[in-house]
Every structure is written in C-alpha cells, then in structure tokens.
Amino acid sequence: MDGKMATTESTESTEGPREPQRIGAPAAMRHAAGQLAQLLGREPGAVSALKATDEGWSADVELVEIERVPDTASVMASYRVQLDAQGELLGYERLRRYARGQLDR
C-alpha cells in the first residue's frame, strides 16, 4: 500500500428526485390525437387547439364521428383531451358535434 486512503464519490444528487421532463408541443399533439383515436376507434382529423396546463397539456381534437354520403353530410365532433406532462391520457370529453363544413358564427 502507498499510504493513501481510498475515497468514493457520491453520485447521488442533493437536489432530490428529478421530475420527468415535459414533452414538447408537437409530441403532445401526436399523443392527444393518437390516444383519442385508440379509445374511439376513429381517425382524428386535426388538433385545433393545444395549451400547456399545470398538469401537462390540453388539446382539442376534431374527428369524423358519423360518416355520410355526401361527405358534407358527415357529423364531426370536437373533443378536449387532457394529457399529463409526459403525454399520457388523463381524460377526454366531447365538446360539440357539428356538420362537416359548418362554420362557427
């Protein structure tokens, strides 16, 4: 031995456990549309709104709820989807139903 004491460095942080990082807006949009599509069995048309919240993300997703011919007679629906910061579904609700091509006044 050379007379030196062996020391070990601690790899633990003194800051405590780290919170997982919040996903970005593009990923939140994909997660909201994809998870709603899985639950309802319908393909989403568009994400019309996205907002960061204290819990994670809130997104409004539009989709065709009832397909009809002609296309303009189809019934659309707007759903609000709540995600946590990592993009996991917390809940959803249908906000409204409307005819395809209907304009808001």
C-alpha atoms as a PDB file:
ATOM      1  CA  MET A   1       0.000   0.000   0.000  1.00  0.00           C
ATOM      2  CA  ASP A   2       1.161   3.519  -0.673  1.00  0.00           C
ATOM      3  CA  GLY A   3      -0.429   5.057   2.457  1.00  0.00           C
ATOM      4  CA  LYS A   4      -3.239   6.805   0.596  1.00  0.00           C
ATOM      5  CA  MET A   5      -6.808   6.246   1.676  1.00  0.00           C
ATOM      6  CA  ALA A   6      -9.279   5.229  -0.954  1.00  0.00           C
ATOM      7  CA  THR A   7     -12.303   7.522  -1.266  1.00  0.00           C
ATOM      8  CA  THR A   8     -15.529   7.081  -3.160  1.00  0.00           C
ATOM      9  CA  GLU A   9     -17.529   9.860  -4.706  1.00  0.00           C
ATOM     10  CA  SER A  10     -21.247  10.008  -4.197  1.00  0.00           C
ATOM     11  CA  THR A  11     -23.244  10.014  -7.404  1.00  0.00           C
ATOM     12  CA  GLU A  12     -26.452  10.989  -5.605  1.00  0.00           C
ATOM     13  CA  SER A  13     -27.759  14.496  -6.126  1.00  0.00           C
ATOM     14  CA  THR A  14     -28.523  16.649  -3.137  1.00  0.00           C
ATOM     15  CA  GLU A  15     -31.454  18.172  -5.028  1.00  0.00           C
ATOM     16  CA  GLY A  16     -33.740  15.158  -4.550  1.00  0.00           C
ATOM     17  CA  PRO A  17     -35.603  13.249  -7.262  1.00  0.00           C
ATOM     18  CA  ARG A  18     -35.921  14.984 -10.621  1.00  0.00           C
ATOM     19  CA  GLU A  19     -39.288  15.471 -12.248  1.00  0.00           C
ATOM     20  CA  PRO A  20     -39.635  13.884 -15.688  1.00  0.00           C
ATOM     21  CA  GLN A  21     -39.323  16.422 -18.482  1.00  0.00           C
ATOM     22  CA  ARG A  22     -42.476  17.794 -20.159  1.00  0.00           C
ATOM     23  CA  ILE A  23     -42.903  16.659 -23.760  1.00  0.00           C
ATOM     24  CA  GLY A  24     -42.939  19.364 -26.425  1.00  0.00           C
ATOM     25  CA  ALA A  25     -45.979  20.733 -28.253  1.00  0.00           C
ATOM     26  CA  PRO A  26     -45.584  18.627 -31.446  1.00  0.00           C
ATOM     27  CA  ALA A  27     -45.351  15.411 -29.393  1.00  0.00           C
ATOM     28  CA  ALA A  28     -48.324  16.475 -27.248  1.00  0.00           C
ATOM     29  CA  MET A  29     -50.409  16.966 -30.407  1.00  0.00           C
ATOM     30  CA  ARG A  30     -49.486  13.480 -31.672  1.00  0.00           C
ATOM     31  CA  HIS A  31     -50.190  11.879 -28.274  1.00  0.00           C
ATOM     32  CA  ALA A  32     -53.591  13.580 -27.916  1.00  0.00           C
ATOM     33  CA  ALA A  33     -54.775  12.603 -31.405  1.00  0.00           C
ATOM     34  CA  GLY A  34     -53.342   9.083 -31.247  1.00  0.00           C
ATOM     35  CA  GLN A  35     -54.715   8.149 -27.831  1.00  0.00           C
ATOM     36  CA  LEU A  36     -58.182   9.526 -28.631  1.00  0.00           C
ATOM     37  CA  ALA A  37     -58.182   7.543 -31.903  1.00  0.00           C
ATOM     38  CA  GLN A  38     -57.353   4.355 -29.980  1.00  0.00           C
ATOM     39  CA  LEU A  39     -60.181   4.909 -27.497  1.00  0.00           C
ATOM     40  CA  LEU A  40     -62.873   5.850 -30.004  1.00  0.00           C
ATOM     41  CA  GLY A  41     -61.797   3.735 -32.976  1.00  0.00           C
ATOM     42  CA  ARG A  42     -61.880   6.769 -35.288  1.00  0.00           C
ATOM     43  CA  GLU A  43     -59.097   8.584 -37.105  1.00  0.00           C
ATOM     44  CA  PRO A  44     -58.578  12.153 -35.892  1.00  0.00           C
ATOM     45  CA  GLY A  45     -58.926  14.919 -38.450  1.00  0.00           C
ATOM     46  CA  ALA A  46     -56.941  17.666 -36.779  1.00  0.00           C
ATOM     47  CA  VAL A  47     -55.764  19.119 -33.494  1.00  0.00           C
ATOM     48  CA  SER A  48     -57.448  22.530 -33.498  1.00  0.00           C
ATOM     49  CA  ALA A  49     -56.061  23.805 -30.175  1.00  0.00           C
ATOM     50  CA  LEU A  50     -53.227  22.985 -27.799  1.00  0.00           C
ATOM     51  CA  LYS A  51     -52.462  24.591 -24.444  1.00  0.00           C
ATOM     52  CA  ALA A  52     -49.916  23.868 -21.708  1.00  0.00           C
ATOM     53  CA  THR A  53     -51.550  23.373 -18.292  1.00  0.00           C
ATOM     54  CA  ASP A  54     -50.262  22.857 -14.755  1.00  0.00           C
ATOM     55  CA  GLU A  55     -50.846  19.097 -15.157  1.00  0.00           C
ATOM     56  CA  GLY A  56     -49.457  18.810 -18.702  1.00  0.00           C
ATOM     57  CA  TRP A  57     -51.399  19.588 -21.884  1.00  0.00           C
ATOM     58  CA  SER A  58     -54.968  20.245 -23.047  1.00  0.00           C
ATOM     59  CA  ALA A  59     -55.784  19.654 -26.726  1.00  0.00           C
ATOM     60  CA  ASP A  60     -58.941  19.979 -28.825  1.00  0.00           C
ATOM     61  CA  VAL A  61     -59.131  17.201 -31.412  1.00  0.00           C
ATOM     62  CA  GLU A  62     -61.577  17.143 -34.321  1.00  0.00           C
ATOM     63  CA  LEU A  63     -62.751  13.863 -35.862  1.00  0.00           C
ATOM     64  CA  VAL A  64     -65.465  12.384 -38.063  1.00  0.00           C
ATOM     65  CA  GLU A  65     -67.984  10.815 -35.706  1.00  0.00           C
ATOM     66  CA  ILE A  66     -70.539   9.658 -38.309  1.00  0.00           C
ATOM     67  CA  GLU A  67     -69.554   9.232 -41.961  1.00  0.00           C
ATOM     68  CA  ARG A  68     -72.246  10.009 -44.528  1.00  0.00           C
ATOM     69  CA  VAL A  69     -72.529  10.435 -48.262  1.00  0.00           C
ATOM     70  CA  PRO A  70     -72.089  13.082 -49.467  1.00  0.00           C
ATOM     71  CA  ASP A  71     -69.064  13.964 -47.383  1.00  0.00           C
ATOM     72  CA  THR A  72     -70.585  17.308 -46.361  1.00  0.00           C
ATOM     73  CA  ALA A  73     -73.365  15.444 -44.510  1.00  0.00           C
ATOM     74  CA  SER A  74     -70.873  13.731 -42.173  1.00  0.00           C
ATOM     75  CA  VAL A  75     -71.092  14.551 -38.463  1.00  0.00           C
ATOM     76  CA  MET A  76     -67.901  15.913 -36.903  1.00  0.00           C
ATOM     77  CA  ALA A  77     -67.075  16.108 -33.212  1.00  0.00           C
ATOM     78  CA  SER A  78     -64.665  18.183 -31.187  1.00  0.00           C
ATOM     79  CA  TYR A  79     -63.077  16.530 -28.134  1.00  0.00           C
ATOM     80  CA  ARG A  80     -60.977  18.077 -25.375  1.00  0.00           C
ATOM     81  CA  VAL A  81     -58.144  15.736 -24.387  1.00  0.00           C
ATOM     82  CA  GLN A  82     -56.183  16.170 -21.128  1.00  0.00           C
ATOM     83  CA  LEU A  83     -52.620  14.802 -21.008  1.00  0.00           C
ATOM     84  CA  ASP A  84     -50.053  14.698 -18.227  1.00  0.00           C
ATOM     85  CA  ALA A  85     -46.630  16.292 -18.743  1.00  0.00           C
ATOM     86  CA  GLN A  86     -45.290  13.099 -20.362  1.00  0.00           C
ATOM     87  CA  GLY A  87     -48.208  12.808 -22.809  1.00  0.00           C
ATOM     88  CA  GLU A  88     -50.269  10.122 -21.072  1.00  0.00           C
ATOM     89  CA  LEU A  89     -54.044  10.463 -21.291  1.00  0.00           C
ATOM     90  CA  LEU A  90     -55.714  11.782 -18.136  1.00  0.00           C
ATOM     91  CA  GLY A  91     -59.206  12.226 -19.593  1.00  0.00           C
ATOM     92  CA  TYR A  92     -61.312  13.437 -22.505  1.00  0.00           C
ATOM     93  CA  GLU A  93     -64.745  14.911 -23.162  1.00  0.00           C
ATOM     94  CA  ARG A  94     -66.815  15.687 -26.244  1.00  0.00           C
ATOM     95  CA  LEU A  95     -67.324  19.430 -26.532  1.00  0.00           C
ATOM     96  CA  ARG A  96     -69.682  19.568 -29.506  1.00  0.00           C
ATOM     97  CA  ARG A  97     -70.978  17.862 -32.639  1.00  0.00           C
ATOM     98  CA  TYR A  98     -71.479  19.654 -35.923  1.00  0.00           C
ATOM     99  CA  ALA A  99     -71.994  19.068 -39.641  1.00  0.00           C
ATOM    100  CA  ARG A 100     -68.809  18.932 -41.717  1.00  0.00           C
ATOM    101  CA  GLY A 101     -68.203  22.292 -43.338  1.00  0.00           C
ATOM    102  CA  GLN A 102     -70.254  24.170 -40.734  1.00  0.00           C
ATOM    103  CA  LEU A 103     -68.658  27.491 -39.842  1.00  0.00           C
ATOM    104  CA  ASP A 104     -68.635  28.935 -36.335  1.00  0.00           C
ATOM    105  CA  ARG A 105     -70.526  32.215 -36.042  1.00  0.00           C
END
